[in-house]
Amino acid sequence: MDFIEQMKQKAKADKKRIVLPEALDLRVIQAASTALQEGISEIILIGNQAEILRTAGDLDLTGAIIIDSETAEKRTEYSAAFYELRKAKGTTLKQAEELMKDPVYFGMMMLQQGDADGLISGAVHSTADTLRPALQIVKAARDAKLVSTFFIMDVPDCDYGHHGVLLFSDCALNENPDAEQLSEIAVASARTMQRLLGIDPIVAMLSYSTFGSAKSTLTEKVVQAARLAKEKAPDVLIDGEMQLDAALVQRVADLKAPNSHVAGKANVLIFPDLNAGNIGYKLTERMAKAKAYGPITQGLAKPINDLSRGCKAEDIVGVIAITAVQAQGQ
């Protein structure tokens, strides 16, 4: 059973209510139909019912809850609650009422008010348009110092990682994390690998240098981040700085990092900045024909996940399953 099938089976065992606010996008509707037919989760579509059904055509949406954010019964209640959350920032009640017409903001308030368990957006909206309302409304988890993102990469016919499954972070949110932030991303990613996938994390802090083969401000940041991450999570295998080949290939690891318990075995790859992370996951997805699930957020109080605007319906189904499993854990 491959990774995403495992997620689907876990999701089916305890169905959660997943909100899809981009309900006029055909890919989202196709994914909703599949999720309903397979029994992965309950589905809440936000939008005008007639337009959604017209777009759906012959697709079966039996069991979906369709809510129009412009006419919903709870719009007044959500507007008042959002106003209370944001009035100290200068938001007026009128502005709150206008924002509740927006399907993404409305969906976030569903989460905040306990009327849904998880939300997925990004097929149409940018990452900023998905995560801005998330941080305004749902906010970070109490024990999280930083919100970050990760991708689950499922690489076919691959001996690296855990039978071809690896976690890449951060690939979508933190542009240039400092050493402290990078260490938080590493520890959060390790915990995610364990809690979400049930896989013991082996974490490589990536750089263009392996244990001092080069020295610069760029490599020093990763060295410091690795040291901090080890201090914060002494129970987790974390090491770095190291090059990608040293992290994954045992033959190279034996030459470059013979004393490392991580080198050659890593299944969690922590990239030094957003340039590297975003390039890395897309390169793997396209050239290795990997399935890329994400970006998935970690550190928020509720599961809210962002899609790539180039995603396919089957990708969205996978993220629905992952989001449902995240909700089970919370």
C-alpha atoms as a PDB file:
ATOM      1  CA  MET A   1       0.000   0.000   0.000  1.00  0.00           C
ATOM      2  CA  ASP A   2       1.514   3.342  -1.041  1.00  0.00           C
ATOM      3  CA  PHE A   3       1.684   6.426   1.148  1.00  0.00           C
ATOM      4  CA  ILE A   4      -1.497   8.147   0.018  1.00  0.00           C
ATOM      5  CA  GLU A   5      -3.541   4.943   0.279  1.00  0.00           C
ATOM      6  CA  GLN A   6      -2.385   4.678   3.893  1.00  0.00           C
ATOM      7  CA  MET A   7      -3.583   8.240   4.476  1.00  0.00           C
ATOM      8  CA  LYS A   8      -6.957   7.422   2.905  1.00  0.00           C
ATOM      9  CA  GLN A   9      -7.415   4.371   5.106  1.00  0.00           C
ATOM     10  CA  LYS A  10      -6.588   6.391   8.219  1.00  0.00           C
ATOM     11  CA  ALA A  11      -8.972   9.166   7.144  1.00  0.00           C
ATOM     12  CA  LYS A  12     -11.835   6.716   6.575  1.00  0.00           C
ATOM     13  CA  ALA A  13     -11.499   5.352  10.111  1.00  0.00           C
ATOM     14  CA  ASP A  14     -12.625   8.649  11.659  1.00  0.00           C
ATOM     15  CA  LYS A  15     -14.205  10.951   9.093  1.00  0.00           C
ATOM     16  CA  LYS A  16     -13.568  14.670   9.442  1.00  0.00           C
ATOM     17  CA  ARG A  17     -15.329  17.712   7.947  1.00  0.00           C
ATOM     18  CA  ILE A  18     -13.089  19.259   5.286  1.00  0.00           C
ATOM     19  CA  VAL A  19     -13.917  22.678   3.803  1.00  0.00           C
ATOM     20  CA  LEU A  20     -13.173  23.403   0.127  1.00  0.00           C
ATOM     21  CA  PRO A  21     -13.763  27.127  -0.467  1.00  0.00           C
ATOM     22  CA  GLU A  22     -12.741  27.054  -4.160  1.00  0.00           C
ATOM     23  CA  ALA A  23     -15.847  25.109  -5.119  1.00  0.00           C
ATOM     24  CA  LEU A  24     -16.214  26.555  -8.630  1.00  0.00           C
ATOM     25  CA  ASP A  25     -12.935  25.058  -9.807  1.00  0.00           C
ATOM     26  CA  LEU A  26     -13.570  21.824 -11.692  1.00  0.00           C
ATOM     27  CA  ARG A  27     -10.500  20.124 -10.191  1.00  0.00           C
ATOM     28  CA  VAL A  28     -11.801  20.840  -6.691  1.00  0.00           C
ATOM     29  CA  ILE A  29     -15.244  19.490  -7.580  1.00  0.00           C
ATOM     30  CA  GLN A  30     -13.708  16.352  -9.095  1.00  0.00           C
ATOM     31  CA  ALA A  31     -11.667  15.844  -5.919  1.00  0.00           C
ATOM     32  CA  ALA A  32     -14.727  16.424  -3.735  1.00  0.00           C
ATOM     33  CA  SER A  33     -16.685  13.826  -5.713  1.00  0.00           C
ATOM     34  CA  THR A  34     -13.879  11.268  -5.370  1.00  0.00           C
ATOM     35  CA  ALA A  35     -13.461  11.927  -1.642  1.00  0.00           C
ATOM     36  CA  LEU A  36     -17.188  11.446  -1.084  1.00  0.00           C
ATOM     37  CA  GLN A  37     -17.399   8.287  -3.173  1.00  0.00           C
ATOM     38  CA  GLU A  38     -14.369   6.759  -1.442  1.00  0.00           C
ATOM     39  CA  GLY A  39     -15.605   7.805   2.009  1.00  0.00           C
ATOM     40  CA  ILE A  40     -12.428   9.699   2.869  1.00  0.00           C
ATOM     41  CA  SER A  41     -14.128  12.614   4.628  1.00  0.00           C
ATOM     42  CA  GLU A  42     -17.208  14.744   4.840  1.00  0.00           C
ATOM     43  CA  ILE A  43     -16.989  17.587   2.320  1.00  0.00           C
ATOM     44  CA  ILE A  44     -18.170  21.178   2.695  1.00  0.00           C
ATOM     45  CA  LEU A  45     -18.218  23.217  -0.526  1.00  0.00           C
ATOM     46  CA  ILE A  46     -18.523  26.996  -0.241  1.00  0.00           C
ATOM     47  CA  GLY A  47     -20.224  28.774  -3.110  1.00  0.00           C
ATOM     48  CA  ASN A  48     -23.468  29.250  -4.982  1.00  0.00           C
ATOM     49  CA  GLN A  49     -25.167  25.867  -5.203  1.00  0.00           C
ATOM     50  CA  ALA A  50     -26.560  26.320  -8.725  1.00  0.00           C
ATOM     51  CA  GLU A  51     -23.148  27.385 -10.082  1.00  0.00           C
ATOM     52  CA  ILE A  52     -21.376  24.515  -8.328  1.00  0.00           C
ATOM     53  CA  LEU A  53     -23.809  21.931  -9.687  1.00  0.00           C
ATOM     54  CA  ARG A  54     -23.609  23.459 -13.157  1.00  0.00           C
ATOM     55  CA  THR A  55     -19.808  23.217 -13.089  1.00  0.00           C
ATOM     56  CA  ALA A  56     -19.991  19.682 -11.708  1.00  0.00           C
ATOM     57  CA  GLY A  57     -22.109  18.427 -14.605  1.00  0.00           C
ATOM     58  CA  ASP A  58     -22.407  14.645 -14.266  1.00  0.00           C
ATOM     59  CA  LEU A  59     -20.060  14.433 -11.267  1.00  0.00           C
ATOM     60  CA  ASP A  60     -21.720  12.934  -8.198  1.00  0.00           C
ATOM     61  CA  LEU A  61     -21.703  15.291  -5.191  1.00  0.00           C
ATOM     62  CA  THR A  62     -24.185  13.275  -3.125  1.00  0.00           C
ATOM     63  CA  GLY A  63     -23.479  13.911   0.540  1.00  0.00           C
ATOM     64  CA  ALA A  64     -21.652  17.210   0.047  1.00  0.00           C
ATOM     65  CA  ILE A  65     -22.720  20.148   2.181  1.00  0.00           C
ATOM     66  CA  ILE A  66     -22.952  23.262   0.008  1.00  0.00           C
ATOM     67  CA  ILE A  67     -22.948  26.644   1.737  1.00  0.00           C
ATOM     68  CA  ASP A  68     -23.188  30.018   0.013  1.00  0.00           C
ATOM     69  CA  SER A  69     -21.075  32.449   2.044  1.00  0.00           C
ATOM     70  CA  GLU A  70     -23.141  35.392   0.787  1.00  0.00           C
ATOM     71  CA  THR A  71     -26.465  34.033   2.075  1.00  0.00           C
ATOM     72  CA  ALA A  72     -25.459  31.606   4.839  1.00  0.00           C
ATOM     73  CA  GLU A  73     -27.400  31.642   8.104  1.00  0.00           C
ATOM     74  CA  LYS A  74     -24.219  31.942  10.140  1.00  0.00           C
ATOM     75  CA  ARG A  75     -22.730  34.859   8.180  1.00  0.00           C
ATOM     76  CA  THR A  76     -23.900  37.385  10.797  1.00  0.00           C
ATOM     77  CA  GLU A  77     -22.544  35.243  13.633  1.00  0.00           C
ATOM     78  CA  TYR A  78     -19.210  34.779  11.861  1.00  0.00           C
ATOM     79  CA  SER A  79     -18.968  38.492  11.034  1.00  0.00           C
ATOM     80  CA  ALA A  80     -19.422  39.402  14.685  1.00  0.00           C
ATOM     81  CA  ALA A  81     -16.871  36.823  15.803  1.00  0.00           C
ATOM     82  CA  PHE A  82     -14.325  38.014  13.227  1.00  0.00           C
ATOM     83  CA  TYR A  83     -14.899  41.617  14.295  1.00  0.00           C
ATOM     84  CA  GLU A  84     -14.112  40.663  17.906  1.00  0.00           C
ATOM     85  CA  LEU A  85     -10.925  38.914  16.774  1.00  0.00           C
ATOM     86  CA  ARG A  86      -9.690  41.821  14.661  1.00  0.00           C
ATOM     87  CA  LYS A  87     -11.165  45.017  16.117  1.00  0.00           C
ATOM     88  CA  ALA A  88      -7.914  45.767  17.965  1.00  0.00           C
ATOM     89  CA  LYS A  89      -6.242  45.798  14.534  1.00  0.00           C
ATOM     90  CA  GLY A  90      -8.707  48.391  13.283  1.00  0.00           C
ATOM     91  CA  THR A  91     -11.228  46.134  11.529  1.00  0.00           C
ATOM     92  CA  THR A  92     -14.778  47.502  11.558  1.00  0.00           C
ATOM     93  CA  LEU A  93     -17.951  45.418  11.726  1.00  0.00           C
ATOM     94  CA  LYS A  94     -18.809  46.501   8.183  1.00  0.00           C
ATOM     95  CA  GLN A  95     -15.418  45.297   6.938  1.00  0.00           C
ATOM     96  CA  ALA A  96     -15.940  42.008   8.772  1.00  0.00           C
ATOM     97  CA  GLU A  97     -19.321  41.562   7.094  1.00  0.00           C
ATOM     98  CA  GLU A  98     -17.758  42.142   3.680  1.00  0.00           C
ATOM     99  CA  LEU A  99     -14.920  39.696   4.354  1.00  0.00           C
ATOM    100  CA  MET A 100     -17.391  36.979   5.333  1.00  0.00           C
ATOM    101  CA  LYS A 101     -18.642  36.998   1.742  1.00  0.00           C
ATOM    102  CA  ASP A 102     -15.217  35.704   0.758  1.00  0.00           C
ATOM    103  CA  PRO A 103     -15.339  31.874   0.711  1.00  0.00           C
ATOM    104  CA  VAL A 104     -11.824  31.508   2.175  1.00  0.00           C
ATOM    105  CA  TYR A 105     -12.512  33.845   5.103  1.00  0.00           C
ATOM    106  CA  PHE A 106     -15.896  32.215   5.654  1.00  0.00           C
ATOM    107  CA  GLY A 107     -14.285  28.767   5.663  1.00  0.00           C
ATOM    108  CA  MET A 108     -11.644  29.878   8.177  1.00  0.00           C
ATOM    109  CA  MET A 109     -14.408  31.091  10.494  1.00  0.00           C
ATOM    110  CA  MET A 110     -16.081  27.690  10.175  1.00  0.00           C
ATOM    111  CA  LEU A 111     -12.874  26.182  11.553  1.00  0.00           C
ATOM    112  CA  GLN A 112     -12.491  28.788  14.263  1.00  0.00           C
ATOM    113  CA  GLN A 113     -16.072  28.290  15.416  1.00  0.00           C
ATOM    114  CA  GLY A 114     -15.804  24.503  15.445  1.00  0.00           C
ATOM    115  CA  ASP A 115     -18.129  23.934  12.474  1.00  0.00           C
ATOM    116  CA  ALA A 116     -15.433  22.177  10.410  1.00  0.00           C
ATOM    117  CA  ASP A 117     -12.192  20.289  11.058  1.00  0.00           C
ATOM    118  CA  GLY A 118      -9.872  21.275   8.219  1.00  0.00           C
ATOM    119  CA  LEU A 119      -9.621  23.516   5.157  1.00  0.00           C
ATOM    120  CA  ILE A 120      -7.855  23.264   1.804  1.00  0.00           C
ATOM    121  CA  SER A 121      -7.345  26.164  -0.606  1.00  0.00           C
ATOM    122  CA  GLY A 122      -4.785  27.263  -3.192  1.00  0.00           C
ATOM    123  CA  ALA A 123      -5.965  25.727  -6.463  1.00  0.00           C
ATOM    124  CA  VAL A 124      -7.084  29.254  -7.390  1.00  0.00           C
ATOM    125  CA  HIS A 125      -5.755  31.439  -4.575  1.00  0.00           C
ATOM    126  CA  SER A 126      -2.134  32.284  -3.870  1.00  0.00           C
ATOM    127  CA  THR A 127      -0.373  30.969  -0.777  1.00  0.00           C
ATOM    128  CA  ALA A 128      -0.641  34.441   0.764  1.00  0.00           C
ATOM    129  CA  ASP A 129      -4.399  34.571   0.145  1.00  0.00           C
ATOM    130  CA  THR A 130      -4.770  31.219   1.890  1.00  0.00           C
ATOM    131  CA  LEU A 131      -2.429  31.691   4.833  1.00  0.00           C
ATOM    132  CA  ARG A 132      -3.179  35.355   5.611  1.00  0.00           C
ATOM    133  CA  PRO A 133      -6.746  34.646   6.798  1.00  0.00           C
ATOM    134  CA  ALA A 134      -5.494  31.473   8.503  1.00  0.00           C
ATOM    135  CA  LEU A 135      -3.067  33.473  10.627  1.00  0.00           C
ATOM    136  CA  GLN A 136      -5.672  36.178  11.296  1.00  0.00           C
ATOM    137  CA  ILE A 137      -8.423  33.795  12.364  1.00  0.00           C
ATOM    138  CA  VAL A 138      -7.196  30.332  13.341  1.00  0.00           C
ATOM    139  CA  LYS A 139      -3.686  31.449  14.331  1.00  0.00           C
ATOM    140  CA  ALA A 140      -0.703  29.398  15.415  1.00  0.00           C
ATOM    141  CA  ALA A 141      -0.936  26.436  17.760  1.00  0.00           C
ATOM    142  CA  ARG A 142      -0.091  27.219  21.368  1.00  0.00           C
ATOM    143  CA  ASP A 143       3.085  25.135  21.323  1.00  0.00           C
ATOM    144  CA  ALA A 144       4.301  26.409  17.935  1.00  0.00           C
ATOM    145  CA  LYS A 145       6.912  29.143  17.640  1.00  0.00           C
ATOM    146  CA  LEU A 146       6.729  29.228  13.855  1.00  0.00           C
ATOM    147  CA  VAL A 147       4.268  28.241  11.143  1.00  0.00           C
ATOM    148  CA  SER A 148       5.948  26.449   8.245  1.00  0.00           C
ATOM    149  CA  THR A 149       5.101  24.160   5.348  1.00  0.00           C
ATOM    150  CA  PHE A 150       6.204  20.816   4.027  1.00  0.00           C
ATOM    151  CA  PHE A 151       5.689  18.532   1.061  1.00  0.00           C
ATOM    152  CA  ILE A 152       5.386  14.778   1.181  1.00  0.00           C
ATOM    153  CA  MET A 153       7.296  13.495  -1.842  1.00  0.00           C
ATOM    154  CA  ASP A 154       6.414   9.991  -2.986  1.00  0.00           C
ATOM    155  CA  VAL A 155       9.084   8.994  -5.511  1.00  0.00           C
ATOM    156  CA  PRO A 156       8.472   5.867  -7.614  1.00  0.00           C
ATOM    157  CA  ASP A 157      11.149   3.176  -7.849  1.00  0.00           C
ATOM    158  CA  CYS A 158      13.323   5.026  -5.352  1.00  0.00           C
ATOM    159  CA  ASP A 159      15.580   3.592  -2.649  1.00  0.00           C
ATOM    160  CA  TYR A 160      16.063   6.904  -0.855  1.00  0.00           C
ATOM    161  CA  GLY A 161      14.115   8.093   2.153  1.00  0.00           C
ATOM    162  CA  HIS A 162      11.540   5.641   3.544  1.00  0.00           C
ATOM    163  CA  HIS A 163      10.881   3.431   0.520  1.00  0.00           C
ATOM    164  CA  GLY A 164      10.777   6.528  -1.675  1.00  0.00           C
ATOM    165  CA  VAL A 165       8.770   8.690   0.725  1.00  0.00           C
ATOM    166  CA  LEU A 166      10.475  11.872   1.959  1.00  0.00           C
ATOM    167  CA  LEU A 167       9.403  15.049   3.708  1.00  0.00           C
ATOM    168  CA  PHE A 168      10.733  18.345   2.252  1.00  0.00           C
ATOM    169  CA  SER A 169      10.562  21.600   4.275  1.00  0.00           C
ATOM    170  CA  ASP A 170      10.138  24.559   4.059  1.00  0.00           C
ATOM    171  CA  CYS A 171       9.087  24.865   0.412  1.00  0.00           C
ATOM    172  CA  ALA A 172       6.339  27.494   0.423  1.00  0.00           C
ATOM    173  CA  LEU A 173       6.285  29.949   3.318  1.00  0.00           C
ATOM    174  CA  ASN A 174       9.431  31.102   5.137  1.00  0.00           C
ATOM    175  CA  GLU A 175      11.583  32.921   2.625  1.00  0.00           C
ATOM    176  CA  ASN A 176      14.908  33.187   4.410  1.00  0.00           C
ATOM    177  CA  PRO A 177      14.681  31.687   7.908  1.00  0.00           C
ATOM    178  CA  ASP A 178      17.476  32.485  10.346  1.00  0.00           C
ATOM    179  CA  ALA A 179      19.200  29.737  12.322  1.00  0.00           C
ATOM    180  CA  GLU A 180      16.616  29.778  15.118  1.00  0.00           C
ATOM    181  CA  GLN A 181      13.706  29.604  12.676  1.00  0.00           C
ATOM    182  CA  LEU A 182      15.402  26.900  10.624  1.00  0.00           C
ATOM    183  CA  SER A 183      15.840  24.812  13.750  1.00  0.00           C
ATOM    184  CA  GLU A 184      12.111  25.186  14.513  1.00  0.00           C
ATOM    185  CA  ILE A 185      11.278  24.033  10.979  1.00  0.00           C
ATOM    186  CA  ALA A 186      13.523  20.986  11.448  1.00  0.00           C
ATOM    187  CA  VAL A 187      11.993  19.970  14.774  1.00  0.00           C
ATOM    188  CA  ALA A 188       8.413  20.545  13.566  1.00  0.00           C
ATOM    189  CA  SER A 189       9.100  18.507  10.425  1.00  0.00           C
ATOM    190  CA  ALA A 190      10.549  15.653  12.466  1.00  0.00           C
ATOM    191  CA  ARG A 191       7.449  15.593  14.687  1.00  0.00           C
ATOM    192  CA  THR A 192       5.226  15.674  11.601  1.00  0.00           C
ATOM    193  CA  MET A 193       7.030  12.701  10.049  1.00  0.00           C
ATOM    194  CA  GLN A 194       6.440  10.720  13.229  1.00  0.00           C
ATOM    195  CA  ARG A 195       2.868  11.772  14.004  1.00  0.00           C
ATOM    196  CA  LEU A 196       1.409  11.950  10.500  1.00  0.00           C
ATOM    197  CA  LEU A 197       3.247   9.146   8.730  1.00  0.00           C
ATOM    198  CA  GLY A 198       4.319   6.970  11.639  1.00  0.00           C
ATOM    199  CA  ILE A 199       7.895   6.975  10.308  1.00  0.00           C
ATOM    200  CA  ASP A 200      10.922   7.559  12.539  1.00  0.00           C
ATOM    201  CA  PRO A 201      12.415  10.842  11.283  1.00  0.00           C
ATOM    202  CA  ILE A 202      16.019  11.057  10.111  1.00  0.00           C
ATOM    203  CA  VAL A 203      16.637  14.751   9.499  1.00  0.00           C
ATOM    204  CA  ALA A 204      19.293  16.255   7.234  1.00  0.00           C
ATOM    205  CA  MET A 205      19.977  20.007   7.368  1.00  0.00           C
ATOM    206  CA  LEU A 206      20.948  20.739   3.770  1.00  0.00           C
ATOM    207  CA  SER A 207      23.629  23.059   2.448  1.00  0.00           C
ATOM    208  CA  TYR A 208      26.196  23.228  -0.338  1.00  0.00           C
ATOM    209  CA  SER A 209      28.765  22.168   2.268  1.00  0.00           C
ATOM    210  CA  THR A 210      29.215  18.932   4.238  1.00  0.00           C
ATOM    211  CA  PHE A 211      30.602  19.361   7.750  1.00  0.00           C
ATOM    212  CA  GLY A 212      32.862  22.293   6.998  1.00  0.00           C
ATOM    213  CA  SER A 213      33.920  21.490   3.422  1.00  0.00           C
ATOM    214  CA  ALA A 214      33.033  25.135   2.738  1.00  0.00           C
ATOM    215  CA  LYS A 215      32.610  28.071   5.092  1.00  0.00           C
ATOM    216  CA  SER A 216      30.432  31.147   4.629  1.00  0.00           C
ATOM    217  CA  THR A 217      27.574  32.978   6.277  1.00  0.00           C
ATOM    218  CA  LEU A 218      25.227  30.676   4.348  1.00  0.00           C
ATOM    219  CA  THR A 219      26.763  27.453   5.638  1.00  0.00           C
ATOM    220  CA  GLU A 220      27.212  28.841   9.152  1.00  0.00           C
ATOM    221  CA  LYS A 221      23.462  29.462   9.410  1.00  0.00           C
ATOM    222  CA  VAL A 222      22.783  25.782   8.758  1.00  0.00           C
ATOM    223  CA  VAL A 223      25.517  24.690  11.187  1.00  0.00           C
ATOM    224  CA  GLN A 224      23.915  26.784  13.938  1.00  0.00           C
ATOM    225  CA  ALA A 225      20.423  25.591  13.028  1.00  0.00           C
ATOM    226  CA  ALA A 226      21.509  21.953  13.254  1.00  0.00           C
ATOM    227  CA  ARG A 227      23.055  22.540  16.664  1.00  0.00           C
ATOM    228  CA  LEU A 228      19.893  24.259  17.955  1.00  0.00           C
ATOM    229  CA  ALA A 229      17.625  21.557  16.529  1.00  0.00           C
ATOM    230  CA  LYS A 230      19.636  18.832  18.258  1.00  0.00           C
ATOM    231  CA  GLU A 231      19.335  20.686  21.562  1.00  0.00           C
ATOM    232  CA  LYS A 232      15.566  21.087  21.145  1.00  0.00           C
ATOM    233  CA  ALA A 233      14.948  17.485  20.068  1.00  0.00           C
ATOM    234  CA  PRO A 234      17.695  15.269  21.508  1.00  0.00           C
ATOM    235  CA  ASP A 235      15.518  12.215  20.872  1.00  0.00           C
ATOM    236  CA  VAL A 236      15.547  12.790  17.090  1.00  0.00           C
ATOM    237  CA  LEU A 237      18.306  11.964  14.603  1.00  0.00           C
ATOM    238  CA  ILE A 238      19.268  15.391  13.197  1.00  0.00           C
ATOM    239  CA  ASP A 239      22.549  16.290  11.552  1.00  0.00           C
ATOM    240  CA  GLY A 240      24.151  18.851   9.277  1.00  0.00           C
ATOM    241  CA  GLU A 241      25.220  20.826   7.531  1.00  0.00           C
ATOM    242  CA  MET A 242      25.393  18.394   4.608  1.00  0.00           C
ATOM    243  CA  GLN A 243      25.031  18.241   0.861  1.00  0.00           C
ATOM    244  CA  LEU A 244      22.076  16.442  -0.697  1.00  0.00           C
ATOM    245  CA  ASP A 245      24.096  13.514  -1.996  1.00  0.00           C
ATOM    246  CA  ALA A 246      25.662  12.985   1.417  1.00  0.00           C
ATOM    247  CA  ALA A 247      22.199  13.040   2.983  1.00  0.00           C
ATOM    248  CA  LEU A 248      20.735  10.382   0.684  1.00  0.00           C
ATOM    249  CA  VAL A 249      23.445   8.223  -0.873  1.00  0.00           C
ATOM    250  CA  GLN A 250      25.230   5.853   1.514  1.00  0.00           C
ATOM    251  CA  ARG A 251      28.302   5.528  -0.720  1.00  0.00           C
ATOM    252  CA  VAL A 252      28.763   9.310  -0.710  1.00  0.00           C
ATOM    253  CA  ALA A 253      27.956   9.518   2.994  1.00  0.00           C
ATOM    254  CA  ASP A 254      30.701   6.995   3.773  1.00  0.00           C
ATOM    255  CA  LEU A 255      33.197   9.283   2.042  1.00  0.00           C
ATOM    256  CA  LYS A 256      31.966  12.691   3.182  1.00  0.00           C
ATOM    257  CA  ALA A 257      30.367  12.013   6.566  1.00  0.00           C
ATOM    258  CA  PRO A 258      31.490   8.629   7.894  1.00  0.00           C
ATOM    259  CA  ASN A 259      30.604   9.487  11.512  1.00  0.00           C
ATOM    260  CA  SER A 260      27.083  10.735  10.877  1.00  0.00           C
ATOM    261  CA  HIS A 261      24.050   8.635  11.857  1.00  0.00           C
ATOM    262  CA  VAL A 262      21.916  10.659   9.416  1.00  0.00           C
ATOM    263  CA  ALA A 263      24.043  10.836   6.271  1.00  0.00           C
ATOM    264  CA  GLY A 264      22.971   8.329   3.646  1.00  0.00           C
ATOM    265  CA  LYS A 265      19.711   7.575   5.477  1.00  0.00           C
ATOM    266  CA  ALA A 266      17.782  10.865   5.618  1.00  0.00           C
ATOM    267  CA  ASN A 267      14.024  10.882   5.075  1.00  0.00           C
ATOM    268  CA  VAL A 268      13.415  14.493   6.155  1.00  0.00           C
ATOM    269  CA  LEU A 269      15.213  17.167   4.134  1.00  0.00           C
ATOM    270  CA  ILE A 270      15.396  20.689   5.570  1.00  0.00           C
ATOM    271  CA  PHE A 271      16.259  23.299   2.949  1.00  0.00           C
ATOM    272  CA  PRO A 272      18.181  26.445   3.959  1.00  0.00           C
ATOM    273  CA  ASP A 273      15.757  28.887   2.295  1.00  0.00           C
ATOM    274  CA  LEU A 274      12.647  29.113   0.150  1.00  0.00           C
ATOM    275  CA  ASN A 275      14.586  29.308  -3.120  1.00  0.00           C
ATOM    276  CA  ALA A 276      16.204  25.940  -2.471  1.00  0.00           C
ATOM    277  CA  GLY A 277      13.082  24.300  -1.061  1.00  0.00           C
ATOM    278  CA  ASN A 278      10.741  25.365  -3.851  1.00  0.00           C
ATOM    279  CA  ILE A 279      13.226  24.446  -6.573  1.00  0.00           C
ATOM    280  CA  GLY A 280      13.994  21.158  -4.865  1.00  0.00           C
ATOM    281  CA  TYR A 281      10.447  19.869  -4.630  1.00  0.00           C
ATOM    282  CA  LYS A 282       9.530  20.936  -8.174  1.00  0.00           C
ATOM    283  CA  LEU A 283      12.702  19.393  -9.592  1.00  0.00           C
ATOM    284  CA  THR A 284      11.918  16.127  -7.823  1.00  0.00           C
ATOM    285  CA  GLU A 285       8.282  16.215  -8.906  1.00  0.00           C
ATOM    286  CA  ARG A 286       9.017  16.820 -12.577  1.00  0.00           C
ATOM    287  CA  MET A 287      12.275  14.972 -13.210  1.00  0.00           C
ATOM    288  CA  ALA A 288      11.744  12.023 -10.874  1.00  0.00           C
ATOM    289  CA  LYS A 289       8.004  11.873 -11.679  1.00  0.00           C
ATOM    290  CA  ALA A 290       7.284  12.066  -7.966  1.00  0.00           C
ATOM    291  CA  LYS A 291       3.898  12.737  -6.445  1.00  0.00           C
ATOM    292  CA  ALA A 292       4.114  15.953  -4.423  1.00  0.00           C
ATOM    293  CA  TYR A 293       1.498  16.407  -1.700  1.00  0.00           C
ATOM    294  CA  GLY A 294       1.412  19.933  -0.319  1.00  0.00           C
ATOM    295  CA  PRO A 295       2.293  22.461   0.681  1.00  0.00           C
ATOM    296  CA  ILE A 296       0.946  21.178   3.994  1.00  0.00           C
ATOM    297  CA  THR A 297       1.137  23.557   6.921  1.00  0.00           C
ATOM    298  CA  GLN A 298       2.468  22.743  10.363  1.00  0.00           C
ATOM    299  CA  GLY A 299       2.180  24.921  13.447  1.00  0.00           C
ATOM    300  CA  LEU A 300      -1.403  26.178  12.966  1.00  0.00           C
ATOM    301  CA  ALA A 301      -4.104  25.530  15.557  1.00  0.00           C
ATOM    302  CA  LYS A 302      -6.225  23.716  12.934  1.00  0.00           C
ATOM    303  CA  PRO A 303      -5.255  21.883   9.727  1.00  0.00           C
ATOM    304  CA  ILE A 304      -5.238  24.418   6.872  1.00  0.00           C
ATOM    305  CA  ASN A 305      -3.441  23.404   3.722  1.00  0.00           C
ATOM    306  CA  ASP A 306      -2.397  25.199   0.591  1.00  0.00           C
ATOM    307  CA  LEU A 307      -2.441  23.684  -2.887  1.00  0.00           C
ATOM    308  CA  SER A 308      -0.202  24.428  -5.829  1.00  0.00           C
ATOM    309  CA  ARG A 309      -2.156  26.261  -8.525  1.00  0.00           C
ATOM    310  CA  GLY A 310      -0.820  23.668 -10.953  1.00  0.00           C
ATOM    311  CA  CYS A 311      -2.341  20.804  -8.968  1.00  0.00           C
ATOM    312  CA  LYS A 312      -4.468  18.013 -10.417  1.00  0.00           C
ATOM    313  CA  ALA A 313      -7.691  16.633  -8.955  1.00  0.00           C
ATOM    314  CA  GLU A 314      -5.896  13.525  -7.700  1.00  0.00           C
ATOM    315  CA  ASP A 315      -3.423  15.752  -5.832  1.00  0.00           C
ATOM    316  CA  ILE A 316      -6.319  17.466  -4.066  1.00  0.00           C
ATOM    317  CA  VAL A 317      -7.788  14.104  -3.060  1.00  0.00           C
ATOM    318  CA  GLY A 318      -4.449  13.255  -1.481  1.00  0.00           C
ATOM    319  CA  VAL A 319      -4.345  16.518   0.441  1.00  0.00           C
ATOM    320  CA  ILE A 320      -7.941  15.971   1.628  1.00  0.00           C
ATOM    321  CA  ALA A 321      -6.826  12.645   3.107  1.00  0.00           C
ATOM    322  CA  ILE A 322      -3.731  14.186   4.732  1.00  0.00           C
ATOM    323  CA  THR A 323      -5.763  17.082   6.157  1.00  0.00           C
ATOM    324  CA  ALA A 324      -8.292  14.652   7.610  1.00  0.00           C
ATOM    325  CA  VAL A 325      -5.521  12.658   9.303  1.00  0.00           C
ATOM    326  CA  GLN A 326      -4.034  15.876  10.671  1.00  0.00           C
ATOM    327  CA  ALA A 327      -7.460  16.750  12.088  1.00  0.00           C
ATOM    328  CA  GLN A 328      -7.646  13.359  13.785  1.00  0.00           C
ATOM    329  CA  GLY A 329      -4.371  14.137  15.523  1.00  0.00           C
ATOM    330  CA  GLN A 330      -5.673  17.451  16.811  1.00  0.00           C
END
